[in-house]
Protein backbone atom coordinates (compact mmCIF):
# COMPACT_ATOMS: atom_id res chain seq x y z
CA MET A 1 -1.45 -18.21 -7.86
CA SER A 2 -0.71 -17.61 -4.20
CA THR A 3 2.01 -17.17 -1.63
CA GLU A 4 2.19 -17.63 2.13
CA PRO A 5 0.22 -15.78 3.42
CA GLY A 6 -2.02 -15.74 0.37
CA TYR A 7 -5.18 -13.94 -0.70
CA ALA A 8 -7.88 -16.40 -1.70
CA SER A 9 -9.47 -14.89 -4.79
CA PRO A 10 -13.18 -15.48 -5.37
CA VAL A 11 -14.28 -18.28 -7.68
CA VAL A 12 -15.38 -16.79 -11.00
CA ASN A 13 -18.09 -18.24 -13.27
CA VAL A 14 -19.99 -17.22 -16.39
CA ALA A 15 -23.77 -17.60 -16.76
CA SER A 16 -26.39 -16.55 -19.29
CA SER A 17 -29.13 -15.93 -16.72
CA LEU A 18 -29.81 -15.43 -13.06
CA PRO A 19 -30.61 -18.54 -11.02
CA ARG A 20 -34.15 -19.21 -9.93
CA ARG A 21 -33.00 -19.04 -6.35
CA ALA A 22 -29.90 -17.47 -4.84
CA ALA A 23 -28.21 -17.53 -1.47
CA ALA A 24 -29.35 -15.09 1.17
CA SER A 25 -26.23 -12.95 0.86
CA THR A 26 -26.31 -12.70 -2.95
CA VAL A 27 -26.07 -9.25 -4.54
CA LEU A 28 -26.66 -8.29 -8.17
CA ILE A 29 -24.45 -5.43 -9.41
CA VAL A 30 -26.09 -3.45 -12.20
CA PRO A 31 -24.59 -0.49 -14.13
CA VAL A 32 -26.67 2.64 -14.59
CA VAL A 33 -26.11 5.81 -16.62
CA SER A 34 -27.13 9.44 -16.30
CA THR A 35 -30.16 10.77 -18.16
CA GLY A 36 -31.80 14.12 -18.51
CA ASP A 37 -30.04 17.45 -18.16
CA ASP A 38 -28.18 19.06 -15.29
CA ASP A 39 -31.37 20.67 -13.99
CA LYS A 40 -33.26 17.37 -13.86
CA PRO A 41 -30.78 14.48 -13.71
CA GLY A 42 -31.82 10.87 -13.45
CA ALA A 43 -30.49 7.35 -13.75
CA VAL A 44 -31.51 4.41 -15.92
CA VAL A 45 -30.35 0.82 -16.15
CA THR A 46 -28.03 0.14 -19.09
CA SER A 47 -27.15 -3.08 -20.93
CA ALA A 48 -29.68 -5.19 -19.06
CA GLY A 49 -30.08 -7.37 -22.15
CA SER A 50 -31.95 -10.58 -21.53
CA PHE A 51 -30.74 -10.80 -17.95
CA LEU A 52 -33.38 -8.55 -16.40
CA SER A 53 -37.08 -8.48 -17.20
CA SER A 54 -38.75 -5.20 -18.06
CA ASP A 55 -40.57 -5.39 -14.73
CA ALA A 56 -37.26 -5.75 -12.85
CA VAL A 57 -35.73 -2.82 -14.75
CA ALA A 58 -38.80 -0.70 -14.01
CA GLU A 59 -38.61 -1.59 -10.32
CA ILE A 60 -34.90 -0.68 -10.16
CA GLU A 61 -35.42 2.63 -11.95
CA SER A 62 -38.38 3.48 -9.72
CA GLY A 63 -36.19 2.93 -6.68
CA LEU A 64 -33.46 5.12 -8.18
CA ARG A 65 -35.95 7.95 -8.76
CA ALA A 66 -37.07 7.71 -5.15
CA LEU A 67 -33.42 8.06 -4.08
CA ALA A 68 -32.81 10.97 -6.49
CA ALA A 69 -30.01 8.99 -8.13
CA THR A 70 -28.18 10.71 -10.97
CA GLY A 71 -26.15 7.83 -12.40
CA GLY A 72 -22.99 9.83 -11.85
CA ALA A 73 -19.66 8.05 -12.12
CA GLU A 74 -19.15 5.53 -9.29
CA GLN A 75 -22.37 6.56 -7.51
CA LEU A 76 -23.79 3.61 -5.55
CA HIS A 77 -27.32 2.73 -4.44
CA ARG A 78 -28.59 -0.43 -2.73
CA LEU A 79 -32.13 -1.59 -3.53
CA VAL A 80 -34.40 -4.49 -2.66
CA VAL A 81 -36.10 -5.69 -5.84
CA GLY A 82 -38.83 -8.22 -5.18
CA SER A 83 -38.98 -9.54 -8.73
CA LEU A 84 -35.35 -10.72 -8.68
CA PRO A 85 -33.94 -13.84 -6.94
CA VAL A 86 -31.26 -11.92 -5.03
CA SER A 87 -31.17 -10.34 -1.60
CA SER A 88 -30.47 -6.90 -3.05
CA VAL A 89 -29.39 -4.97 -6.13
CA LEU A 90 -26.39 -2.65 -6.05
CA THR A 91 -26.40 -0.07 -8.83
CA VAL A 92 -23.16 1.62 -9.83
CA GLY A 93 -23.12 4.79 -11.89
CA LEU A 94 -21.06 5.16 -15.05
CA GLY A 95 -21.89 8.76 -15.96
CA LYS A 96 -23.16 9.83 -19.38
CA PRO A 97 -24.11 7.05 -21.83
CA ARG A 98 -21.48 5.86 -24.34
CA SER A 99 -21.54 3.62 -27.37
CA GLU A 100 -18.27 2.00 -26.21
CA TRP A 101 -17.08 1.83 -22.61
CA PRO A 102 -13.38 2.13 -21.73
CA ALA A 103 -12.24 -0.97 -19.87
CA ASP A 104 -10.87 1.01 -16.94
CA THR A 105 -14.17 2.83 -16.44
CA VAL A 106 -15.79 -0.57 -16.00
CA ARG A 107 -12.90 -1.82 -13.85
CA ARG A 108 -13.18 1.16 -11.52
CA ALA A 109 -16.96 0.89 -11.28
CA ALA A 110 -16.66 -2.79 -10.38
CA GLY A 111 -13.97 -2.01 -7.83
CA VAL A 112 -16.02 0.71 -6.14
CA ALA A 113 -19.01 -1.63 -6.01
CA ALA A 114 -16.95 -4.47 -4.53
CA ARG A 115 -15.43 -2.23 -1.86
CA SER A 116 -18.89 -1.22 -0.67
CA LEU A 117 -20.02 -4.78 -0.01
CA SER A 118 -20.00 -6.37 3.42
CA ASN A 119 -21.43 -9.69 4.55
CA THR A 120 -21.72 -10.61 0.88
CA GLU A 121 -20.30 -13.89 -0.34
CA THR A 122 -21.85 -14.13 -3.81
CA VAL A 123 -22.15 -11.53 -6.54
CA PHE A 124 -23.81 -11.56 -9.95
CA THR A 125 -23.20 -8.70 -12.37
CA THR A 126 -24.37 -7.42 -15.75
CA LEU A 127 -21.31 -5.17 -16.14
CA ALA A 128 -19.87 -7.56 -18.75
CA ALA A 129 -22.84 -6.87 -21.02
CA LEU A 130 -21.67 -3.29 -21.58
CA PRO A 131 -20.37 -2.58 -25.11
CA GLY A 132 -16.60 -2.18 -25.24
CA GLU A 133 -13.37 -4.08 -25.72
CA GLY A 134 -12.26 -6.13 -22.73
CA VAL A 135 -15.15 -5.12 -20.45
CA ALA A 136 -15.81 -8.65 -19.17
CA SER A 137 -12.18 -9.06 -18.13
CA ALA A 138 -12.17 -5.56 -16.64
CA ALA A 139 -15.33 -6.22 -14.62
CA VAL A 140 -13.80 -9.34 -13.09
CA GLU A 141 -10.51 -7.56 -12.37
CA GLY A 142 -12.34 -4.73 -10.66
CA LEU A 143 -14.48 -7.03 -8.53
CA ILE A 144 -11.53 -9.14 -7.39
CA LEU A 145 -9.22 -6.19 -6.75
CA GLY A 146 -11.95 -4.15 -5.08
CA SER A 147 -12.82 -7.00 -2.73
CA TYR A 148 -9.16 -7.60 -1.80
CA ARG A 149 -8.26 -7.40 1.86
CA PHE A 150 -5.18 -8.36 3.85
CA THR A 151 -6.06 -9.78 7.25
CA GLU A 152 -3.22 -12.24 7.92
CA PHE A 153 -1.96 -10.44 11.01
CA ARG A 154 -5.29 -9.51 12.59
CA SER A 155 -6.49 -11.41 15.64
CA ALA A 156 -10.10 -12.38 16.19
CA LYS A 157 -10.57 -9.05 17.97
CA THR A 158 -10.15 -6.98 14.81
CA ALA A 159 -10.48 -9.42 11.90
CA PRO A 160 -13.59 -9.07 9.70
CA LYS A 161 -16.44 -11.26 10.89
CA ASP A 162 -17.55 -12.19 7.36
CA LYS A 163 -15.67 -14.35 4.86
CA GLY A 164 -15.56 -11.66 2.19
CA LEU A 165 -16.49 -12.15 -1.45
CA GLN A 166 -16.30 -15.85 -2.34
CA LYS A 167 -18.01 -16.21 -5.72
CA ILE A 168 -18.49 -13.97 -8.76
CA THR A 169 -20.85 -14.85 -11.61
CA VAL A 170 -20.60 -12.75 -14.75
CA LEU A 171 -23.80 -12.55 -16.76
CA THR A 172 -23.01 -12.54 -20.47
CA THR A 173 -23.86 -14.34 -23.70
CA ALA A 174 -20.64 -13.45 -25.54
CA LYS A 175 -18.96 -16.42 -27.24
CA ASP A 176 -15.48 -15.75 -25.86
CA ALA A 177 -16.70 -14.76 -22.40
CA LYS A 178 -15.26 -17.72 -20.51
CA GLN A 179 -11.77 -17.13 -21.88
CA GLU A 180 -11.92 -13.39 -21.25
CA VAL A 181 -13.26 -13.80 -17.73
CA ALA A 182 -10.62 -16.41 -16.90
CA HIS A 183 -7.93 -14.05 -18.17
CA GLY A 184 -9.24 -11.22 -15.99
CA ALA A 185 -9.37 -13.48 -12.94
CA ALA A 186 -5.78 -14.64 -13.50
CA VAL A 187 -4.48 -11.09 -13.91
CA ALA A 188 -6.32 -9.83 -10.84
CA THR A 189 -5.11 -12.75 -8.75
CA ALA A 190 -1.53 -12.00 -9.80
CA VAL A 191 -2.00 -8.40 -8.68
CA ALA A 192 -3.40 -9.67 -5.38
CA THR A 193 -0.32 -11.87 -4.98
CA ALA A 194 1.92 -8.82 -5.43
CA ARG A 195 -0.21 -6.93 -2.90
CA ASP A 196 0.14 -9.75 -0.38
CA LEU A 197 3.92 -9.67 -0.66
CA VAL A 198 4.09 -5.90 -0.24
CA ASN A 199 1.64 -5.86 2.67
CA THR A 200 3.57 -8.54 4.56
CA PRO A 201 5.56 -6.68 7.24
CA PRO A 202 9.38 -6.72 7.17
CA SER A 203 9.44 -8.72 10.39
CA HIS A 204 8.03 -11.58 8.32
CA LEU A 205 9.37 -10.78 4.83
CA PHE A 206 13.15 -10.34 4.81
CA PRO A 207 15.46 -11.30 1.91
CA ALA A 208 15.79 -15.02 2.69
CA GLU A 209 12.05 -15.40 3.30
CA PHE A 210 11.21 -13.30 0.23
CA ALA A 211 13.43 -15.56 -1.86
CA LYS A 212 11.77 -18.63 -0.35
CA ARG A 213 8.31 -17.38 -1.29
CA ALA A 214 9.47 -16.40 -4.78
CA ARG A 215 10.85 -19.90 -5.25
CA ALA A 216 7.63 -21.52 -4.04
CA LEU A 217 5.49 -19.39 -6.33
CA GLY A 218 7.79 -19.90 -9.30
CA GLU A 219 7.96 -23.66 -8.92
CA SER A 220 4.18 -23.88 -8.52
CA VAL A 221 3.73 -22.59 -12.10
CA GLY A 222 6.69 -24.39 -13.65
CA LEU A 223 9.35 -21.67 -13.64
CA GLU A 224 13.04 -22.44 -13.42
CA VAL A 225 14.30 -20.87 -10.19
CA GLU A 226 17.81 -19.93 -9.08
CA VAL A 227 18.60 -18.29 -5.73
CA LEU A 228 22.00 -16.77 -4.95
CA ASP A 229 22.77 -16.43 -1.24
CA GLU A 230 25.36 -14.07 0.24
CA LYS A 231 28.25 -16.45 -0.48
CA ALA A 232 27.24 -16.81 -4.13
CA LEU A 233 26.79 -13.04 -4.40
CA GLN A 234 30.27 -12.51 -2.98
CA LYS A 235 31.75 -15.03 -5.37
CA GLY A 236 29.92 -13.47 -8.32
CA GLY A 237 30.96 -9.92 -7.52
CA TYR A 238 27.53 -8.40 -6.87
CA GLY A 239 28.91 -5.38 -5.05
CA GLY A 240 25.76 -3.28 -5.21
CA ILE A 241 23.51 -5.88 -3.59
CA LEU A 242 26.13 -6.77 -0.98
CA GLY A 243 26.87 -3.13 -0.20
CA VAL A 244 23.24 -2.27 0.44
CA GLY A 245 22.64 -5.41 2.49
CA GLN A 246 25.81 -5.39 4.59
CA GLY A 247 24.32 -3.31 7.40
CA SER A 248 21.61 -5.86 8.11
CA SER A 249 21.81 -9.08 10.10
CA ARG A 250 19.58 -10.54 7.39
CA PRO A 251 21.79 -11.15 4.34
CA PRO A 252 20.73 -10.32 0.77
CA ARG A 253 19.62 -12.60 -2.03
CA LEU A 254 19.33 -12.57 -5.82
CA VAL A 255 16.48 -14.58 -7.33
CA ARG A 256 16.19 -15.60 -10.97
CA LEU A 257 12.85 -16.86 -12.31
CA ILE A 258 12.79 -18.17 -15.89
CA HIS A 259 9.80 -18.82 -18.17
CA ARG A 260 10.92 -20.52 -21.38
CA GLY A 261 7.85 -19.69 -23.41
CA SER A 262 9.57 -19.60 -26.81
CA ARG A 263 9.06 -23.36 -27.06
CA LEU A 264 5.31 -22.63 -27.12
CA ALA A 265 5.65 -20.30 -30.12
CA LYS A 266 4.86 -21.42 -33.67
CA LYS A 267 8.27 -20.12 -34.74
CA SER A 268 10.34 -20.54 -31.59
CA LYS A 269 13.51 -19.04 -33.04
CA GLN A 270 11.67 -15.79 -33.78
CA ALA A 271 10.11 -15.50 -30.32
CA LYS A 272 11.27 -12.51 -28.30
CA LYS A 273 13.10 -12.62 -25.00
CA VAL A 274 12.16 -10.17 -22.25
CA ALA A 275 14.10 -9.46 -19.07
CA LEU A 276 12.28 -8.21 -15.97
CA VAL A 277 14.09 -6.59 -13.05
CA GLY A 278 12.45 -5.42 -9.81
CA LYS A 279 13.84 -3.70 -6.73
CA GLY A 280 13.44 -5.86 -3.63
CA VAL A 281 14.48 -3.77 -0.63
CA THR A 282 12.43 -5.53 2.04
CA PHE A 283 12.82 -2.57 4.38
CA ASP A 284 14.55 0.73 3.78
CA THR A 285 15.64 2.82 6.74
CA GLY A 286 17.87 4.82 4.43
CA GLY A 287 20.91 3.26 6.08
CA ILE A 288 23.43 5.71 7.56
CA SER A 289 21.66 8.46 5.55
CA ILE A 290 18.62 7.64 7.64
CA LYS A 291 15.07 8.56 6.67
CA PRO A 292 12.69 10.70 8.78
CA ALA A 293 10.84 8.60 11.35
CA ALA A 294 7.38 9.94 10.51
CA SER A 295 6.92 7.99 7.28
CA MET A 296 9.55 5.28 7.61
CA HIS A 297 6.97 2.58 8.32
CA HIS A 298 5.77 2.90 4.73
CA MET A 299 9.13 1.55 3.60
CA THR A 300 7.76 -1.95 4.00
CA SER A 301 6.64 -1.24 0.42
CA ASP A 302 10.17 -0.69 -0.93
CA MET A 303 10.08 -4.14 -2.50
CA GLY A 304 6.95 -3.33 -4.50
CA GLY A 305 8.83 -3.53 -7.79
CA ALA A 306 10.17 -6.98 -6.96
CA ALA A 307 6.72 -8.21 -5.92
CA ALA A 308 5.22 -7.01 -9.20
CA VAL A 309 7.98 -8.63 -11.25
CA ILE A 310 7.61 -11.97 -9.45
CA ALA A 311 3.83 -11.92 -9.93
CA THR A 312 4.24 -10.97 -13.60
CA VAL A 313 6.67 -13.71 -14.58
CA ALA A 314 4.54 -16.26 -12.72
CA LEU A 315 1.48 -15.06 -14.63
CA ALA A 316 3.38 -15.37 -17.92
CA ALA A 317 4.01 -19.02 -17.08
CA GLN A 318 0.48 -19.64 -15.85
CA LEU A 319 -1.06 -18.23 -19.06
CA GLN A 320 1.67 -19.76 -21.23
CA LEU A 321 2.89 -16.69 -23.07
CA PRO A 322 4.93 -17.82 -26.12
CA ILE A 323 8.00 -15.71 -25.29
CA ASP A 324 10.93 -16.14 -22.95
CA VAL A 325 10.65 -14.08 -19.76
CA ILE A 326 13.54 -13.97 -17.32
CA ALA A 327 13.12 -12.14 -14.02
CA THR A 328 16.16 -11.03 -12.04
CA VAL A 329 15.21 -9.86 -8.56
CA PRO A 330 17.75 -8.42 -6.09
CA MET A 331 16.67 -8.51 -2.44
CA ALA A 332 18.28 -6.67 0.47
CA GLU A 333 17.45 -4.88 3.71
CA ASN A 334 18.95 -1.38 4.05
CA MET A 335 19.82 -0.89 7.73
CA PRO A 336 22.17 1.36 9.74
CA SER A 337 24.75 -0.48 11.84
CA GLY A 338 28.45 -0.76 12.49
CA THR A 339 28.78 -2.84 9.34
CA ALA A 340 26.61 -0.67 7.07
CA GLN A 341 28.06 1.04 4.03
CA ARG A 342 28.96 4.69 4.63
CA PRO A 343 28.59 7.85 2.57
CA GLY A 344 31.91 8.07 0.77
CA ASP A 345 32.40 4.32 0.35
CA VAL A 346 33.20 3.00 -3.12
CA LEU A 347 31.72 -0.28 -4.27
CA THR A 348 32.23 -2.32 -7.42
CA GLN A 349 29.02 -3.23 -9.20
CA TYR A 350 28.51 -6.53 -10.96
CA GLY A 351 30.31 -6.09 -14.26
CA GLY A 352 33.09 -3.89 -12.88
CA THR A 353 31.75 -0.32 -12.74
CA THR A 354 32.77 1.47 -9.55
CA VAL A 355 30.32 3.73 -7.72
CA GLU A 356 30.90 6.25 -4.96
CA VAL A 357 28.08 6.01 -2.44
CA GLN A 358 27.38 9.62 -1.54
CA ASN A 359 23.98 8.81 -0.05
CA THR A 360 23.08 5.40 1.37
CA ASP A 361 19.38 6.17 0.89
CA ALA A 362 19.89 6.06 -2.89
CA GLU A 363 20.27 2.31 -2.52
CA GLY A 364 17.70 0.97 -4.94
CA ARG A 365 19.71 1.98 -7.98
CA LEU A 366 22.72 0.12 -6.57
CA ILE A 367 21.00 -3.25 -6.35
CA LEU A 368 19.18 -2.63 -9.63
CA ALA A 369 22.47 -1.91 -11.41
CA ASP A 370 23.80 -5.34 -10.47
CA ALA A 371 20.59 -6.99 -11.61
CA ILE A 372 20.44 -5.04 -14.88
CA VAL A 373 23.95 -6.10 -15.89
CA ARG A 374 23.17 -9.72 -15.03
CA ALA A 375 19.87 -9.56 -16.92
CA CYS A 376 21.57 -8.15 -20.02
CA GLU A 377 23.93 -11.14 -20.08
CA ASP A 378 20.90 -13.16 -21.22
CA ASN A 379 20.79 -11.03 -24.41
CA PRO A 380 17.16 -9.95 -24.09
CA ASP A 381 15.34 -8.02 -26.80
CA TYR A 382 13.64 -5.93 -24.13
CA LEU A 383 14.30 -5.05 -20.51
CA ILE A 384 11.51 -3.84 -18.22
CA GLU A 385 12.49 -2.87 -14.71
CA THR A 386 10.45 -1.34 -11.98
CA SER A 387 10.99 0.00 -8.51
CA THR A 388 9.94 2.41 -5.84
CA LEU A 389 12.94 4.35 -7.10
CA THR A 390 12.65 7.99 -6.04
CA GLY A 391 10.57 10.27 -3.88
CA ALA A 392 11.00 12.68 -6.78
CA GLN A 393 8.49 10.60 -8.75
CA THR A 394 5.73 11.65 -6.37
CA VAL A 395 6.86 15.28 -6.54
CA ALA A 396 6.68 15.24 -10.33
CA LEU A 397 3.65 13.01 -10.96
CA GLY A 398 1.86 12.43 -7.67
CA ALA A 399 0.83 9.26 -5.91
CA ARG A 400 -1.07 7.57 -8.73
CA ILE A 401 0.93 8.10 -11.94
CA PRO A 402 4.12 6.07 -12.51
CA GLY A 403 7.02 7.66 -14.32
CA VAL A 404 8.26 5.67 -17.33
CA MET A 405 11.86 6.24 -18.45
CA GLY A 406 14.05 4.43 -20.92
CA SER A 407 14.96 4.15 -24.58
CA ASP A 408 12.55 6.45 -26.38
CA GLU A 409 10.59 4.03 -28.58
CA PHE A 410 10.14 1.30 -25.98
CA ARG A 411 9.49 3.81 -23.20
CA ASP A 412 6.62 5.29 -25.20
CA ARG A 413 5.25 1.83 -25.96
CA VAL A 414 5.25 0.86 -22.29
CA ALA A 415 3.68 4.17 -21.24
CA ALA A 416 0.92 3.86 -23.84
CA ILE A 417 0.08 0.32 -22.70
CA SER A 418 0.14 1.44 -19.06
CA GLN A 419 -2.39 4.14 -19.87
CA ARG A 420 -4.56 1.68 -21.76
CA VAL A 421 -4.78 -0.73 -18.81
CA GLY A 422 -5.54 2.06 -16.35
CA GLU A 423 -2.21 2.25 -14.49
CA ASN A 424 -1.50 5.54 -16.29
CA GLY A 425 2.29 5.51 -16.67
CA TRP A 426 3.68 8.75 -18.07
CA PRO A 427 6.78 8.99 -20.32
CA MET A 428 9.68 10.98 -18.87
CA PRO A 429 12.87 12.20 -20.60
CA LEU A 430 16.45 11.28 -19.71
CA PRO A 431 18.51 14.38 -20.61
CA ASP A 432 22.11 13.47 -21.45
CA GLU A 433 23.46 16.50 -19.60
CA LEU A 434 22.38 14.99 -16.27
CA LYS A 435 25.16 12.42 -16.56
CA GLU A 436 27.64 15.21 -15.81
CA ASP A 437 26.09 15.52 -12.36
CA LEU A 438 26.88 11.86 -11.62
CA LYS A 439 30.63 12.27 -11.99
CA SER A 440 32.76 11.22 -9.03
CA THR A 441 36.30 12.29 -8.17
CA VAL A 442 37.17 8.80 -6.90
CA ALA A 443 35.01 6.33 -8.88
CA ASP A 444 33.37 5.84 -12.26
CA LEU A 445 30.05 7.22 -11.02
CA SER A 446 28.36 8.72 -7.98
CA ASN A 447 25.02 7.30 -6.90
CA ILE A 448 23.48 10.80 -6.58
CA SER A 449 23.91 14.10 -8.37
CA GLY A 450 24.19 16.40 -5.37
CA GLN A 451 21.42 18.56 -6.88
CA ARG A 452 17.86 18.83 -5.59
CA PHE A 453 16.22 18.97 -9.00
CA ALA A 454 15.26 16.17 -11.45
CA GLY A 455 15.82 13.38 -8.93
CA MET A 456 13.77 10.81 -10.85
CA LEU A 457 15.53 11.60 -14.11
CA VAL A 458 18.97 11.49 -12.49
CA ALA A 459 18.20 8.02 -11.14
CA GLY A 460 17.09 6.96 -14.61
CA VAL A 461 20.30 8.28 -16.17
CA PHE A 462 22.30 6.35 -13.56
CA LEU A 463 20.49 3.10 -14.40
CA ARG A 464 20.92 3.68 -18.14
CA GLU A 465 24.68 3.35 -17.66
CA PHE A 466 24.19 -0.35 -16.91
CA VAL A 467 21.84 -1.27 -19.77
CA ALA A 468 23.50 -3.06 -22.69
CA ASP A 469 23.50 -1.35 -26.08
CA GLY A 470 20.67 -2.35 -28.38
CA VAL A 471 18.26 -3.48 -25.66
CA GLY A 472 14.82 -1.87 -25.65
CA TRP A 473 14.64 -0.61 -22.08
CA ALA A 474 12.00 0.90 -19.83
CA HIS A 475 12.05 1.69 -16.14
CA ILE A 476 8.75 2.21 -14.30
CA ASP A 477 9.12 4.31 -11.15
CA VAL A 478 6.23 3.47 -8.81
CA ALA A 479 7.44 5.15 -5.61
CA GLY A 480 3.97 6.60 -5.06
CA PRO A 481 1.64 4.29 -7.01
CA ALA A 482 2.90 1.02 -5.46
CA TYR A 483 1.50 1.85 -2.03
CA ASN A 484 -1.61 3.86 -1.25
CA THR A 485 -1.11 5.79 1.99
CA GLY A 486 -4.44 7.59 1.58
CA SER A 487 -8.05 6.49 1.35
CA PRO A 488 -9.16 3.61 -0.90
CA TRP A 489 -10.29 4.62 -4.39
CA GLY A 490 -11.54 2.73 -7.43
CA TYR A 491 -10.19 -0.80 -7.12
CA SER A 492 -7.18 0.34 -5.07
CA PRO A 493 -7.25 -0.39 -1.34
CA LYS A 494 -5.29 1.36 1.35
CA GLY A 495 -1.81 -0.19 1.35
CA ALA A 496 -0.28 -2.18 -1.49
CA THR A 497 -1.82 -1.67 -4.94
CA GLY A 498 0.12 -4.20 -7.03
CA VAL A 499 1.11 -1.53 -9.57
CA PRO A 500 2.66 -2.05 -12.16
CA THR A 501 1.85 -5.77 -12.48
CA ARG A 502 -0.93 -5.24 -15.02
CA THR A 503 1.22 -2.89 -17.09
CA MET A 504 4.13 -5.29 -17.30
CA PHE A 505 1.97 -8.27 -18.17
CA ALA A 506 0.12 -6.29 -20.84
CA VAL A 507 3.49 -5.31 -22.33
CA LEU A 508 4.52 -8.97 -22.38
CA GLU A 509 1.27 -9.86 -24.15
CA ASP A 510 1.87 -7.08 -26.67
CA ILE A 511 5.41 -8.31 -27.34
CA ALA A 512 4.14 -11.88 -27.73
CA ALA A 513 1.57 -10.69 -30.28
CA ASN A 514 3.56 -8.05 -32.15
CA GLY A 515 7.24 -8.62 -31.42
C-alpha cells in the first residue's frame, strides 16, 4: 500500500534462529525486565527462548549491570556482544515482569527502539517471543511505525544520509507467526500511508490531487472508486462541501471508495455493511473567521480523518475483510476570499437541511454532514466517521486521547476497541439539551452554539442530526491525536500519527467476526 509520495515500509520476515553471519549494520533488539527491589534494581533478558545461548544472555546481562540498567519501561541500552552474529544488541526495557504482555506495551517498546536506530538497515528481534496475545503483530507494527520518516521534500542538504530501516526479521517459533506478522506489517503500512498523506503540504495536496491519490490507492487494491468534481457536487446539491470550498481557487471533491467484501463471506446476505466518513479539509485557514497565525501551519493536518478513512478502506480490501465497507470522503480547502462563504450565510446541505453559518471555522461539520447523509443512503448497519473536528477535544482530553461520540452501544464498542489497540479513544456523551443551542432564527440549524463550553459535544450533536435512524454510529474526534506537534514518543513521530486508522480497522475486523 502506498501513495505518491509514499513511505517504503521495511521488508518483514520470520525466522526461528539468528543467521550465522549478518550484515555490518544489523542490530538485534532484545526485551529486558526489571529485577530486584527499588534499592537495588537490575535488568535481565526475558523470553530469549532458543534464540540466544546462555553465554549470549550472560554477556548481555553483564553489560547491563556495568551500565546500571534497571529494565525500566522503554529504557534503551546499546551493547556489543561478541558471541552473537550482529553488530550490536539494543535492549529495550519493559518494566516489571508479567505473565502476559499487553500488545501496546510491546508496540511502544518496539517503536522506541526503532526510533533510536540510525545507520541501521536490518533488525532482528526477540520481542515476538514474549507471552501475550498479538505480540508478534504488535512488535512489527511498532518497528515499522517507529522507523517511519517523511523526507519527500528534503534536499540533499538536510535529507538523512542513511537509507533507514530496510528489513525486519522476527524471531519466533509460533505456528501462526507468519500470518500474524504479515497482518501487523499490513496495518502499520496503512498507518504510514495515512501519515504520508497528512504530512504532504497543502501546496502539493489540494482537493483534486487528494482525490487523484485516493483513486490511485483504491484502484491498486481493487476498490470501486467514484469521484465527484465541483460540477457533480453542484448538480447533486452538496451545499456543505461547496460552501466550505467556494473561497478557494482549488475546487472541492467528494470521493467514494467501495469494498464489496460481502461476496467473500460464507453467508453473504448476512454480512454487515459499514460506512466510513472522514473530513478532508486539505488546508483550513478558518475562512472569513480566520484562525490565529501562530498555529495555522498545523492545519495541513485538517484532512487527517480523510487520510485515515482512505487507508482503512484500502486495508480492508487488501486483507479481504468479508464485509462491505463504503468510504465517503469530502475534500475542500477553507480559504478567505471575495467568494468565500460569510458568517450569516445560509446553505442547504445534501438532503435538504438548511444551516446558518455563524462561524466559517466550524467548517468540518458542514462537509461531514453532506457526506453522512450520502453514506446513509447506502443503508449501512454501522457508520464510523472521524475528523479533526474541534479544538475542544484537546481541551477536554489532551493531545493523545481521541473523543468518541455516537449512539451509546456502538460508541462504547468503538472506544473499547480503540483502547485495546493503544489509540485510547474515550467515550463522550451527547446531551440532548445541547441541541437547543444549535437553533437558528433563519435556518433549520446553526453550525455553532454561540457558547464557549462543550464544543466537542455540540459538534457531535450537530452531526447526529444527519445520521439516519437505526444506524449504529460513532464519531472519532482526533483534533489533537492526528498530528503530534510535540516531541516523538512511543511509535509516534513528530507530525502525522495516522490515528485513528488502527482503531477503525480493528472495529471492521470485530464487525466481520461478530456482526
